[in-house]
PDB file of all heavy atoms in Angstrom:
ATOM      1  N   ALA A   1       0.792  -1.228  -0.014  1.00  0.00           N
ATOM      2  CA  ALA A   1      -0.002   0.013  -0.010  1.00  0.00           C
ATOM      3  C   ALA A   1       0.865   1.246   0.011  1.00  0.00           C
ATOM      4  O   ALA A   1       0.333   2.399  -0.156  1.00  0.00           O
ATOM      5  CB  ALA A   1      -0.962   0.007   1.229  1.00  0.00           C
ATOM      6  N   TRP A   2       2.197   1.140   0.164  1.00  0.00           N
ATOM      7  CA  TRP A   2       2.977   2.342   0.311  1.00  0.00           C
ATOM      8  C   TRP A   2       3.032   3.219  -0.942  1.00  0.00           C
ATOM      9  O   TRP A   2       2.917   4.438  -0.826  1.00  0.00           O
ATOM     10  CB  TRP A   2       4.391   1.904   0.795  1.00  0.00           C
ATOM     11  CG  TRP A   2       5.500   3.031   0.742  1.00  0.00           C
ATOM     12  CD1 TRP A   2       6.599   3.053   0.103  1.00  0.00           C
ATOM     13  CD2 TRP A   2       5.359   4.293   1.438  1.00  0.00           C
ATOM     14  NE1 TRP A   2       7.288   4.173   0.326  1.00  0.00           N
ATOM     15  CE2 TRP A   2       6.537   4.977   1.116  1.00  0.00           C
ATOM     16  CE3 TRP A   2       4.394   4.909   2.239  1.00  0.00           C
ATOM     17  CZ2 TRP A   2       6.784   6.277   1.614  1.00  0.00           C
ATOM     18  CZ3 TRP A   2       4.653   6.213   2.717  1.00  0.00           C
ATOM     19  CH2 TRP A   2       5.861   6.875   2.391  1.00  0.00           C
ATOM     20  N   PRO A   3       3.225   2.682  -2.174  1.00  0.00           N
ATOM     21  CA  PRO A   3       3.431   3.596  -3.277  1.00  0.00           C
ATOM     22  C   PRO A   3       2.264   4.583  -3.466  1.00  0.00           C
ATOM     23  O   PRO A   3       2.490   5.739  -3.751  1.00  0.00           O
ATOM     24  CB  PRO A   3       3.498   2.632  -4.460  1.00  0.00           C
ATOM     25  CG  PRO A   3       4.073   1.360  -3.860  1.00  0.00           C
ATOM     26  CD  PRO A   3       3.487   1.280  -2.556  1.00  0.00           C
ATOM     27  N   ALA A   4       0.992   4.153  -3.235  1.00  0.00           N
ATOM     28  CA  ALA A   4      -0.122   5.047  -3.399  1.00  0.00           C
ATOM     29  C   ALA A   4      -0.095   6.098  -2.300  1.00  0.00           C
ATOM     30  O   ALA A   4      -0.378   7.299  -2.560  1.00  0.00           O
ATOM     31  CB  ALA A   4      -1.452   4.260  -3.336  1.00  0.00           C
ATOM     32  N   TYR A   5       0.222   5.676  -1.059  1.00  0.00           N
ATOM     33  CA  TYR A   5       0.192   6.640   0.013  1.00  0.00           C
ATOM     34  C   TYR A   5       1.372   7.592  -0.116  1.00  0.00           C
ATOM     35  O   TYR A   5       1.280   8.818   0.133  1.00  0.00           O
ATOM     36  CB  TYR A   5       0.268   5.977   1.356  1.00  0.00           C
ATOM     37  CG  TYR A   5      -0.113   6.899   2.492  1.00  0.00           C
ATOM     38  CD1 TYR A   5      -1.375   7.515   2.564  1.00  0.00           C
ATOM     39  CD2 TYR A   5       0.801   7.283   3.505  1.00  0.00           C
ATOM     40  CE1 TYR A   5      -1.733   8.367   3.562  1.00  0.00           C
ATOM     41  CE2 TYR A   5       0.449   8.124   4.524  1.00  0.00           C
ATOM     42  CZ  TYR A   5      -0.780   8.675   4.572  1.00  0.00           C
ATOM     43  OH  TYR A   5      -1.164   9.554   5.586  1.00  0.00           O
ATOM     44  N   GLU A   6       2.543   7.073  -0.568  1.00  0.00           N
ATOM     45  CA  GLU A   6       3.705   8.002  -0.789  1.00  0.00           C
ATOM     46  C   GLU A   6       3.357   9.042  -1.854  1.00  0.00           C
ATOM     47  O   GLU A   6       3.696  10.234  -1.695  1.00  0.00           O
ATOM     48  CB  GLU A   6       4.931   7.154  -1.236  1.00  0.00           C
ATOM     49  CG  GLU A   6       6.164   8.039  -1.468  1.00  0.00           C
ATOM     50  CD  GLU A   6       7.410   7.292  -1.839  1.00  0.00           C
ATOM     51  OE1 GLU A   6       7.270   6.306  -2.491  1.00  0.00           O
ATOM     52  OE2 GLU A   6       8.465   7.814  -1.429  1.00  0.00           O
ATOM     53  N   ALA A   7       2.711   8.620  -2.939  1.00  0.00           N
ATOM     54  CA  ALA A   7       2.345   9.624  -3.973  1.00  0.00           C
ATOM     55  C   ALA A   7       1.403  10.703  -3.396  1.00  0.00           C
ATOM     56  O   ALA A   7       1.542  11.867  -3.734  1.00  0.00           O
ATOM     57  CB  ALA A   7       1.670   8.864  -5.097  1.00  0.00           C
ATOM     58  N   ALA A   8       0.531  10.273  -2.488  1.00  0.00           N
ATOM     59  CA  ALA A   8      -0.446  11.243  -1.905  1.00  0.00           C
ATOM     60  C   ALA A   8       0.341  12.243  -0.984  1.00  0.00           C
ATOM     61  O   ALA A   8       0.056  13.401  -0.934  1.00  0.00           O
ATOM     62  CB  ALA A   8      -1.502  10.524  -1.174  1.00  0.00           C
ATOM     63  N   LEU A   9       1.294  11.699  -0.188  1.00  0.00           N
ATOM     64  CA  LEU A   9       2.112  12.505   0.669  1.00  0.00           C
ATOM     65  C   LEU A   9       2.878  13.551  -0.198  1.00  0.00           C
ATOM     66  O   LEU A   9       2.977  14.741   0.137  1.00  0.00           O
ATOM     67  CB  LEU A   9       3.082  11.723   1.501  1.00  0.00           C
ATOM     68  CG  LEU A   9       2.509  10.787   2.571  1.00  0.00           C
ATOM     69  CD1 LEU A   9       3.591   9.916   3.193  1.00  0.00           C
ATOM     70  CD2 LEU A   9       1.854  11.613   3.679  1.00  0.00           C
ATOM     71  N   LYS A  10       3.484  13.074  -1.323  1.00  0.00           N
ATOM     72  CA  LYS A  10       4.192  14.052  -2.191  1.00  0.00           C
ATOM     73  C   LYS A  10       3.337  15.121  -2.733  1.00  0.00           C
ATOM     74  O   LYS A  10       3.680  16.283  -2.708  1.00  0.00           O
ATOM     75  CB  LYS A  10       4.845  13.246  -3.304  1.00  0.00           C
ATOM     76  CG  LYS A  10       6.116  12.415  -2.901  1.00  0.00           C
ATOM     77  CD  LYS A  10       6.659  11.655  -4.072  1.00  0.00           C
ATOM     78  CE  LYS A  10       7.935  10.937  -3.690  1.00  0.00           C
ATOM     79  NZ  LYS A  10       8.508  10.148  -4.762  1.00  0.00           N
ATOM     80  N   THR A  11       2.132  14.731  -3.190  1.00  0.00           N
ATOM     81  CA  THR A  11       1.191  15.677  -3.678  1.00  0.00           C
ATOM     82  C   THR A  11       0.821  16.769  -2.679  1.00  0.00           C
ATOM     83  O   THR A  11       0.655  17.940  -2.935  1.00  0.00           O
ATOM     84  CB  THR A  11      -0.067  14.981  -4.198  1.00  0.00           C
ATOM     85  OG1 THR A  11       0.306  14.079  -5.277  1.00  0.00           O
ATOM     86  CG2 THR A  11      -1.094  15.946  -4.733  1.00  0.00           C
ATOM     87  N   ALA A  12       0.682  16.250  -1.389  1.00  0.00           N
ATOM     88  CA  ALA A  12       0.256  17.217  -0.339  1.00  0.00           C
ATOM     89  C   ALA A  12       1.405  17.956   0.272  1.00  0.00           C
ATOM     90  O   ALA A  12       1.219  18.862   1.098  1.00  0.00           O
ATOM     91  CB  ALA A  12      -0.355  16.324   0.828  1.00  0.00           C
ATOM     92  N   GLY A  13       2.617  17.691  -0.210  1.00  0.00           N
ATOM     93  CA  GLY A  13       3.818  18.460   0.282  1.00  0.00           C
ATOM     94  C   GLY A  13       4.210  18.106   1.672  1.00  0.00           C
ATOM     95  O   GLY A  13       4.829  18.922   2.435  1.00  0.00           O
ATOM     96  N   VAL A  14       3.910  16.913   2.130  1.00  0.00           N
ATOM     97  CA  VAL A  14       4.213  16.424   3.502  1.00  0.00           C
ATOM     98  C   VAL A  14       5.737  16.111   3.587  1.00  0.00           C
ATOM     99  O   VAL A  14       6.281  15.547   2.665  1.00  0.00           O
ATOM    100  CB  VAL A  14       3.415  15.192   3.901  1.00  0.00           C
ATOM    101  CG1 VAL A  14       3.836  14.647   5.237  1.00  0.00           C
ATOM    102  CG2 VAL A  14       1.913  15.511   3.849  1.00  0.00           C
ATOM    103  N   ARG A  15       6.321  16.525   4.673  1.00  0.00           N
ATOM    104  CA  ARG A  15       7.767  16.185   4.882  1.00  0.00           C
ATOM    105  C   ARG A  15       7.792  14.768   5.441  1.00  0.00           C
ATOM    106  O   ARG A  15       7.241  14.494   6.527  1.00  0.00           O
ATOM    107  CB  ARG A  15       8.357  17.145   5.924  1.00  0.00           C
ATOM    108  CG  ARG A  15       8.490  18.624   5.426  1.00  0.00           C
ATOM    109  CD  ARG A  15       8.753  19.494   6.574  1.00  0.00           C
ATOM    110  NE  ARG A  15       7.602  19.634   7.511  1.00  0.00           N
ATOM    111  CZ  ARG A  15       7.669  20.072   8.754  1.00  0.00           C
ATOM    112  NH1 ARG A  15       8.841  20.450   9.250  1.00  0.00           N
ATOM    113  NH2 ARG A  15       6.596  20.115   9.459  1.00  0.00           N
ATOM    114  N   TYR A  16       8.455  13.905   4.756  1.00  0.00           N
ATOM    115  CA  TYR A  16       8.580  12.492   5.204  1.00  0.00           C
ATOM    116  C   TYR A  16       9.901  11.918   4.777  1.00  0.00           C
ATOM    117  O   TYR A  16      10.497  12.311   3.796  1.00  0.00           O
ATOM    118  CB  TYR A  16       7.427  11.664   4.666  1.00  0.00           C
ATOM    119  CG  TYR A  16       7.581  11.313   3.205  1.00  0.00           C
ATOM    120  CD1 TYR A  16       8.213  10.116   2.815  1.00  0.00           C
ATOM    121  CD2 TYR A  16       7.078  12.162   2.226  1.00  0.00           C
ATOM    122  CE1 TYR A  16       8.357   9.821   1.480  1.00  0.00           C
ATOM    123  CE2 TYR A  16       7.250  11.859   0.886  1.00  0.00           C
ATOM    124  CZ  TYR A  16       7.872  10.657   0.534  1.00  0.00           C
ATOM    125  OH  TYR A  16       8.100  10.370  -0.805  1.00  0.00           O
ATOM    126  N   THR A  17      10.372  10.968   5.530  1.00  0.00           N
ATOM    127  CA  THR A  17      11.542  10.143   5.204  1.00  0.00           C
ATOM    128  C   THR A  17      11.076   8.694   5.412  1.00  0.00           C
ATOM    129  O   THR A  17      10.528   8.426   6.442  1.00  0.00           O
ATOM    130  CB  THR A  17      12.738  10.469   6.045  1.00  0.00           C
ATOM    131  OG1 THR A  17      13.036  11.836   5.969  1.00  0.00           O
ATOM    132  CG2 THR A  17      13.930   9.662   5.644  1.00  0.00           C
ATOM    133  N   ALA A  18      11.368   7.860   4.416  1.00  0.00           N
ATOM    134  CA  ALA A  18      10.989   6.425   4.568  1.00  0.00           C
ATOM    135  C   ALA A  18      12.243   5.559   4.405  1.00  0.00           C
ATOM    136  O   ALA A  18      13.070   5.804   3.543  1.00  0.00           O
ATOM    137  CB  ALA A  18       9.932   6.037   3.520  1.00  0.00           C
ATOM    138  N   HIS A  19      12.343   4.547   5.262  1.00  0.00           N
ATOM    139  CA  HIS A  19      13.447   3.642   5.157  1.00  0.00           C
ATOM    140  C   HIS A  19      12.909   2.230   5.131  1.00  0.00           C
ATOM    141  O   HIS A  19      12.054   1.869   5.910  1.00  0.00           O
ATOM    142  CB  HIS A  19      14.371   3.764   6.441  1.00  0.00           C
ATOM    143  CG  HIS A  19      15.000   5.023   6.575  1.00  0.00           C
ATOM    144  ND1 HIS A  19      16.088   5.534   5.774  1.00  0.00           N
ATOM    145  CD2 HIS A  19      14.756   6.099   7.477  1.00  0.00           C
ATOM    146  CE1 HIS A  19      16.446   6.737   6.121  1.00  0.00           C
ATOM    147  NE2 HIS A  19      15.675   7.105   7.186  1.00  0.00           N
ATOM    148  N   GLN A  20      13.475   1.431   4.194  1.00  0.00           N
ATOM    149  CA  GLN A  20      13.111   0.012   4.162  1.00  0.00           C
ATOM    150  C   GLN A  20      14.442  -0.768   4.516  1.00  0.00           C
ATOM    151  O   GLN A  20      15.457  -0.510   3.999  1.00  0.00           O
ATOM    152  CB  GLN A  20      12.617  -0.426   2.766  1.00  0.00           C
ATOM    153  CG  GLN A  20      12.090  -1.854   2.736  1.00  0.00           C
ATOM    154  CD  GLN A  20      11.423  -2.177   1.481  1.00  0.00           C
ATOM    155  OE1 GLN A  20      11.992  -2.903   0.637  1.00  0.00           O
ATOM    156  NE2 GLN A  20      10.162  -1.737   1.294  1.00  0.00           N
ATOM    157  N   TYR A  21      14.264  -1.738   5.406  1.00  0.00           N
ATOM    158  CA  TYR A  21      15.412  -2.448   5.950  1.00  0.00           C
ATOM    159  C   TYR A  21      15.492  -3.862   5.280  1.00  0.00           C
ATOM    160  O   TYR A  21      14.664  -4.725   5.600  1.00  0.00           O
ATOM    161  CB  TYR A  21      15.309  -2.565   7.501  1.00  0.00           C
ATOM    162  CG  TYR A  21      15.304  -1.200   8.128  1.00  0.00           C
ATOM    163  CD1 TYR A  21      14.152  -0.409   8.194  1.00  0.00           C
ATOM    164  CD2 TYR A  21      16.522  -0.594   8.557  1.00  0.00           C
ATOM    165  CE1 TYR A  21      14.145   0.843   8.721  1.00  0.00           C
ATOM    166  CE2 TYR A  21      16.533   0.680   9.051  1.00  0.00           C
ATOM    167  CZ  TYR A  21      15.305   1.425   9.196  1.00  0.00           C
ATOM    168  OH  TYR A  21      15.327   2.668   9.732  1.00  0.00           O
ATOM    169  N   ALA A  22      16.384  -4.000   4.361  1.00  0.00           N
ATOM    170  CA  ALA A  22      16.427  -5.170   3.450  1.00  0.00           C
ATOM    171  C   ALA A  22      16.551  -6.459   4.282  1.00  0.00           C
ATOM    172  O   ALA A  22      17.345  -6.550   5.241  1.00  0.00           O
ATOM    173  CB  ALA A  22      17.586  -5.025   2.516  1.00  0.00           C
ATOM    174  N   GLY A  23      15.745  -7.402   3.839  1.00  0.00           N
ATOM    175  CA  GLY A  23      15.823  -8.745   4.428  1.00  0.00           C
ATOM    176  C   GLY A  23      15.135  -8.915   5.817  1.00  0.00           C
ATOM    177  O   GLY A  23      15.134 -10.023   6.331  1.00  0.00           O
ATOM    178  N   THR A  24      14.570  -7.834   6.304  1.00  0.00           N
ATOM    179  CA  THR A  24      13.969  -7.916   7.636  1.00  0.00           C
ATOM    180  C   THR A  24      12.447  -8.340   7.528  1.00  0.00           C
ATOM    181  O   THR A  24      11.823  -8.091   6.548  1.00  0.00           O
ATOM    182  CB  THR A  24      14.089  -6.594   8.415  1.00  0.00           C
ATOM    183  OG1 THR A  24      13.377  -5.580   7.650  1.00  0.00           O
ATOM    184  CG2 THR A  24      15.537  -6.207   8.634  1.00  0.00           C
ATOM    185  N   GLN A  25      11.987  -8.872   8.671  1.00  0.00           N
ATOM    186  CA  GLN A  25      10.625  -9.290   8.753  1.00  0.00           C
ATOM    187  C   GLN A  25       9.751  -8.224   9.459  1.00  0.00           C
ATOM    188  O   GLN A  25      10.328  -7.387  10.243  1.00  0.00           O
ATOM    189  CB  GLN A  25      10.508 -10.581   9.606  1.00  0.00           C
ATOM    190  CG  GLN A  25      11.405 -11.664   9.075  1.00  0.00           C
ATOM    191  CD  GLN A  25      10.880 -12.304   7.809  1.00  0.00           C
ATOM    192  OE1 GLN A  25       9.672 -12.444   7.593  1.00  0.00           O
ATOM    193  NE2 GLN A  25      11.846 -12.656   6.900  1.00  0.00           N
ATOM    194  N   HIS A  26       8.451  -8.248   9.245  1.00  0.00           N
ATOM    195  CA  HIS A  26       7.517  -7.420   9.958  1.00  0.00           C
ATOM    196  C   HIS A  26       7.817  -7.691  11.463  1.00  0.00           C
ATOM    197  O   HIS A  26       7.906  -8.838  11.895  1.00  0.00           O
ATOM    198  CB  HIS A  26       6.123  -7.844   9.657  1.00  0.00           C
ATOM    199  CG  HIS A  26       5.055  -7.057  10.350  1.00  0.00           C
ATOM    200  ND1 HIS A  26       4.525  -5.894   9.780  1.00  0.00           N
ATOM    201  CD2 HIS A  26       4.431  -7.165  11.560  1.00  0.00           C
ATOM    202  CE1 HIS A  26       3.650  -5.375  10.633  1.00  0.00           C
ATOM    203  NE2 HIS A  26       3.548  -6.127  11.696  1.00  0.00           N
ATOM    204  N   GLY A  27       7.898  -6.626  12.230  1.00  0.00           N
ATOM    205  CA  GLY A  27       8.169  -6.800  13.652  1.00  0.00           C
ATOM    206  C   GLY A  27       9.693  -6.787  14.003  1.00  0.00           C
ATOM    207  O   GLY A  27      10.039  -7.160  15.078  1.00  0.00           O
ATOM    208  N   PHE A  28      10.527  -6.400  13.044  1.00  0.00           N
ATOM    209  CA  PHE A  28      11.966  -6.559  13.242  1.00  0.00           C
ATOM    210  C   PHE A  28      12.489  -5.728  14.442  1.00  0.00           C
ATOM    211  O   PHE A  28      13.587  -6.021  14.961  1.00  0.00           O
ATOM    212  CB  PHE A  28      12.734  -6.189  11.979  1.00  0.00           C
ATOM    213  CG  PHE A  28      12.775  -4.750  11.653  1.00  0.00           C
ATOM    214  CD1 PHE A  28      13.677  -3.845  12.276  1.00  0.00           C
ATOM    215  CD2 PHE A  28      11.915  -4.195  10.675  1.00  0.00           C
ATOM    216  CE1 PHE A  28      13.734  -2.460  11.974  1.00  0.00           C
ATOM    217  CE2 PHE A  28      11.942  -2.845  10.379  1.00  0.00           C
ATOM    218  CZ  PHE A  28      12.846  -2.007  11.017  1.00  0.00           C
ATOM    219  N   ASN A  29      11.780  -4.715  14.897  1.00  0.00           N
ATOM    220  CA  ASN A  29      12.242  -3.947  16.053  1.00  0.00           C
ATOM    221  C   ASN A  29      11.902  -4.601  17.387  1.00  0.00           C
ATOM    222  O   ASN A  29      12.489  -4.194  18.414  1.00  0.00           O
ATOM    223  CB  ASN A  29      11.632  -2.543  15.994  1.00  0.00           C
ATOM    224  CG  ASN A  29      12.238  -1.627  17.015  1.00  0.00           C
ATOM    225  OD1 ASN A  29      13.405  -1.223  16.889  1.00  0.00           O
ATOM    226  ND2 ASN A  29      11.495  -1.299  18.057  1.00  0.00           N
ATOM    227  N   ASN A  30      11.019  -5.531  17.384  1.00  0.00           N
ATOM    228  CA  ASN A  30      10.596  -6.143  18.590  1.00  0.00           C
ATOM    229  C   ASN A  30      11.543  -7.227  19.083  1.00  0.00           C
ATOM    230  O   ASN A  30      11.618  -8.292  18.488  1.00  0.00           O
ATOM    231  CB  ASN A  30       9.179  -6.748  18.425  1.00  0.00           C
ATOM    232  CG  ASN A  30       8.593  -7.310  19.751  1.00  0.00           C
ATOM    233  OD1 ASN A  30       9.308  -7.681  20.636  1.00  0.00           O
ATOM    234  ND2 ASN A  30       7.274  -7.275  19.861  1.00  0.00           N
ATOM    235  N   ASP A  31      12.362  -6.883  20.040  1.00  0.00           N
ATOM    236  CA  ASP A  31      13.472  -7.751  20.472  1.00  0.00           C
ATOM    237  C   ASP A  31      13.030  -8.951  21.330  1.00  0.00           C
ATOM    238  O   ASP A  31      13.871  -9.624  21.959  1.00  0.00           O
ATOM    239  CB  ASP A  31      14.585  -7.026  21.143  1.00  0.00           C
ATOM    240  CG  ASP A  31      14.051  -5.999  22.208  1.00  0.00           C
ATOM    241  OD1 ASP A  31      12.862  -6.002  22.474  1.00  0.00           O
ATOM    242  OD2 ASP A  31      14.921  -5.234  22.690  1.00  0.00           O
ATOM    243  N   THR A  32      11.722  -9.260  21.440  1.00  0.00           N
ATOM    244  CA  THR A  32      11.269 -10.350  22.205  1.00  0.00           C
ATOM    245  C   THR A  32      11.012 -11.607  21.346  1.00  0.00           C
ATOM    246  O   THR A  32      10.652 -12.625  21.904  1.00  0.00           O
ATOM    247  CB  THR A  32       9.982 -10.019  22.993  1.00  0.00           C
ATOM    248  OG1 THR A  32       8.883  -9.865  22.068  1.00  0.00           O
ATOM    249  CG2 THR A  32      10.103  -8.734  23.788  1.00  0.00           C
TER     250      THR A  32
END
């Protein structure tokens, strides 16, 4: 769903930075 939302953020002039962490799974920050 990100490409459509990113395009909308760009159109709206929202300040954003997006990072994708290669090879990681959903929940990669949860150290449990």
